[in-house]
């Protein structure tokens, strides 16, 4: 799978509950989750997207649909 870097969304949190709340906003038909969990356990192929030192991270890709007229 090729991840389009310009569409990557990364959310960080200190607790899993906080990350779950932040993740609610990304549950829609044009967002795909690549990882949700402990920052220490992020798969190697996704490490390049991690830029903060928080305990939990959500990594998604969002394909913003074109505006409807």
C-alpha atoms as a PDB file:
ATOM      1  CA  UNK A   1       0.000   0.000   0.000  1.00  0.00           C
ATOM      2  CA  UNK A   2       1.293   3.431  -0.943  1.00  0.00           C
ATOM      3  CA  UNK A   3       0.596   6.163   1.587  1.00  0.00           C
ATOM      4  CA  UNK A   4       0.180   9.636   0.128  1.00  0.00           C
ATOM      5  CA  UNK A   5       2.244  11.797   2.463  1.00  0.00           C
ATOM      6  CA  UNK A   6       0.295  14.963   1.748  1.00  0.00           C
ATOM      7  CA  UNK A   7      -2.864  13.285   3.050  1.00  0.00           C
ATOM      8  CA  UNK A   8      -1.477  11.856   6.293  1.00  0.00           C
ATOM      9  CA  UNK A   9      -3.105  12.885   9.566  1.00  0.00           C
ATOM     10  CA  UNK A  10      -1.294  12.217  12.841  1.00  0.00           C
ATOM     11  CA  UNK A  11      -2.936  12.732  16.243  1.00  0.00           C
ATOM     12  CA  UNK A  12      -1.019  12.329  19.507  1.00  0.00           C
ATOM     13  CA  UNK A  13      -2.267  11.775  23.062  1.00  0.00           C
ATOM     14  CA  UNK A  14      -1.006  11.055  26.555  1.00  0.00           C
ATOM     15  CA  UNK A  15      -3.748   8.494  27.262  1.00  0.00           C
ATOM     16  CA  UNK A  16      -5.586   5.920  25.187  1.00  0.00           C
ATOM     17  CA  UNK A  17      -8.927   7.477  26.145  1.00  0.00           C
ATOM     18  CA  UNK A  18      -7.799  10.867  24.862  1.00  0.00           C
ATOM     19  CA  UNK A  19      -6.696   9.265  21.588  1.00  0.00           C
ATOM     20  CA  UNK A  20     -10.053   7.500  21.234  1.00  0.00           C
ATOM     21  CA  UNK A  21     -11.867  10.831  21.556  1.00  0.00           C
ATOM     22  CA  UNK A  22      -9.571  12.461  18.986  1.00  0.00           C
ATOM     23  CA  UNK A  23     -10.097   9.485  16.672  1.00  0.00           C
ATOM     24  CA  UNK A  24     -13.869   9.907  16.618  1.00  0.00           C
ATOM     25  CA  UNK A  25     -13.525  12.848  14.264  1.00  0.00           C
ATOM     26  CA  UNK A  26     -11.627  10.729  11.739  1.00  0.00           C
ATOM     27  CA  UNK A  27     -14.295   8.007  11.438  1.00  0.00           C
ATOM     28  CA  UNK A  28     -15.824   8.943   8.102  1.00  0.00           C
ATOM     29  CA  UNK A  29     -16.022   7.535   4.601  1.00  0.00           C
ATOM     30  CA  UNK A  30     -12.913   9.233   3.223  1.00  0.00           C
ATOM     31  CA  UNK A  31     -10.375   8.493   5.987  1.00  0.00           C
ATOM     32  CA  UNK A  32      -8.369   5.284   6.393  1.00  0.00           C
ATOM     33  CA  UNK A  33      -6.639   4.303   9.620  1.00  0.00           C
ATOM     34  CA  UNK A  34      -3.128   2.945   9.275  1.00  0.00           C
ATOM     35  CA  UNK A  35      -2.267   2.734  12.976  1.00  0.00           C
ATOM     36  CA  UNK A  36      -3.880   3.360  16.373  1.00  0.00           C
ATOM     37  CA  UNK A  37      -2.030   2.604  19.593  1.00  0.00           C
ATOM     38  CA  UNK A  38       1.234   3.024  21.481  1.00  0.00           C
ATOM     39  CA  UNK A  39       3.815   5.203  19.789  1.00  0.00           C
ATOM     40  CA  UNK A  40       6.512   2.721  20.810  1.00  0.00           C
ATOM     41  CA  UNK A  41       4.783   0.007  18.753  1.00  0.00           C
ATOM     42  CA  UNK A  42       4.353   1.900  15.452  1.00  0.00           C
ATOM     43  CA  UNK A  43       5.372  -0.400  12.566  1.00  0.00           C
ATOM     44  CA  UNK A  44       8.697   0.415  10.965  1.00  0.00           C
ATOM     45  CA  UNK A  45       7.172   1.424   7.624  1.00  0.00           C
ATOM     46  CA  UNK A  46       5.169   4.172   9.386  1.00  0.00           C
ATOM     47  CA  UNK A  47       7.950   5.550  11.625  1.00  0.00           C
ATOM     48  CA  UNK A  48       8.702   8.433   9.253  1.00  0.00           C
ATOM     49  CA  UNK A  49       5.367  10.059  10.145  1.00  0.00           C
ATOM     50  CA  UNK A  50       6.011  10.156  13.904  1.00  0.00           C
ATOM     51  CA  UNK A  51       7.365  13.552  14.958  1.00  0.00           C
ATOM     52  CA  UNK A  52       6.296  13.903  18.600  1.00  0.00           C
ATOM     53  CA  UNK A  53       7.152  11.963  21.726  1.00  0.00           C
ATOM     54  CA  UNK A  54       3.721  11.133  23.120  1.00  0.00           C
ATOM     55  CA  UNK A  55       2.577   7.776  24.497  1.00  0.00           C
ATOM     56  CA  UNK A  56      -0.219   7.140  21.957  1.00  0.00           C
ATOM     57  CA  UNK A  57      -0.664   7.960  18.296  1.00  0.00           C
ATOM     58  CA  UNK A  58      -3.294   7.701  15.571  1.00  0.00           C
ATOM     59  CA  UNK A  59      -2.071   7.665  11.990  1.00  0.00           C
ATOM     60  CA  UNK A  60      -4.635   8.012   9.228  1.00  0.00           C
ATOM     61  CA  UNK A  61      -4.867   9.094   5.635  1.00  0.00           C
ATOM     62  CA  UNK A  62      -7.629  11.415   4.532  1.00  0.00           C
ATOM     63  CA  UNK A  63      -8.870  11.721   0.988  1.00  0.00           C
ATOM     64  CA  UNK A  64     -10.785  14.985   1.028  1.00  0.00           C
ATOM     65  CA  UNK A  65     -13.675  14.764  -1.447  1.00  0.00           C
ATOM     66  CA  UNK A  66     -14.155  17.550  -3.995  1.00  0.00           C
ATOM     67  CA  UNK A  67     -16.564  20.331  -3.048  1.00  0.00           C
ATOM     68  CA  UNK A  68     -20.131  19.860  -4.191  1.00  0.00           C
ATOM     69  CA  UNK A  69     -21.785  22.795  -5.954  1.00  0.00           C
END
